[in-house]
């Protein structure tokens, strides 16, 4: 039996296998990969600061300018396309890590940005955008229709 310390919750655990384990359970491994913080960990109860893996809102570890072994991401990379990518479904994403509803990688759908600029406010996560002509890359304001939620969007499609 080998004694280890869980990288997520800090608990001691024993393992009879000879390979090195980082987490005491599947739950700790899952929570660690989702970026959650161990609220019940003894370190937090004592008032110690959160682990170094924690990051503030707006900071995304996946879009830092330095990467493994001198590789770079963003404008310093030779494959940089200006922070604009097209998904396999045809939607366009724009790199906006400072956006409050940006994905973990810092991208936001362009049609949501266009509608937000038109309305002068951020869209709520429940609100959905419909492309009138069915082309997901056509993000002109004339081609976009805003729905308050998924249910209203589906009812529109059923008519």
Foldseek 3Di string as FASTA:
>chain_A
DDWDAAPAQRDIDDDPDPDDDRHPDPVSVVCVVVQHHDPPRPCVVVPHDTDPSHDDQLDAPLQDQADPPRAGDDPVHPPHPQQWDADPVGWIWGAASNDNPADNNRIDTPLQVQVCVVVVHHQDPFKDKDQQVPRNHPNDPVRIDIDNGPVRVVVVVVD
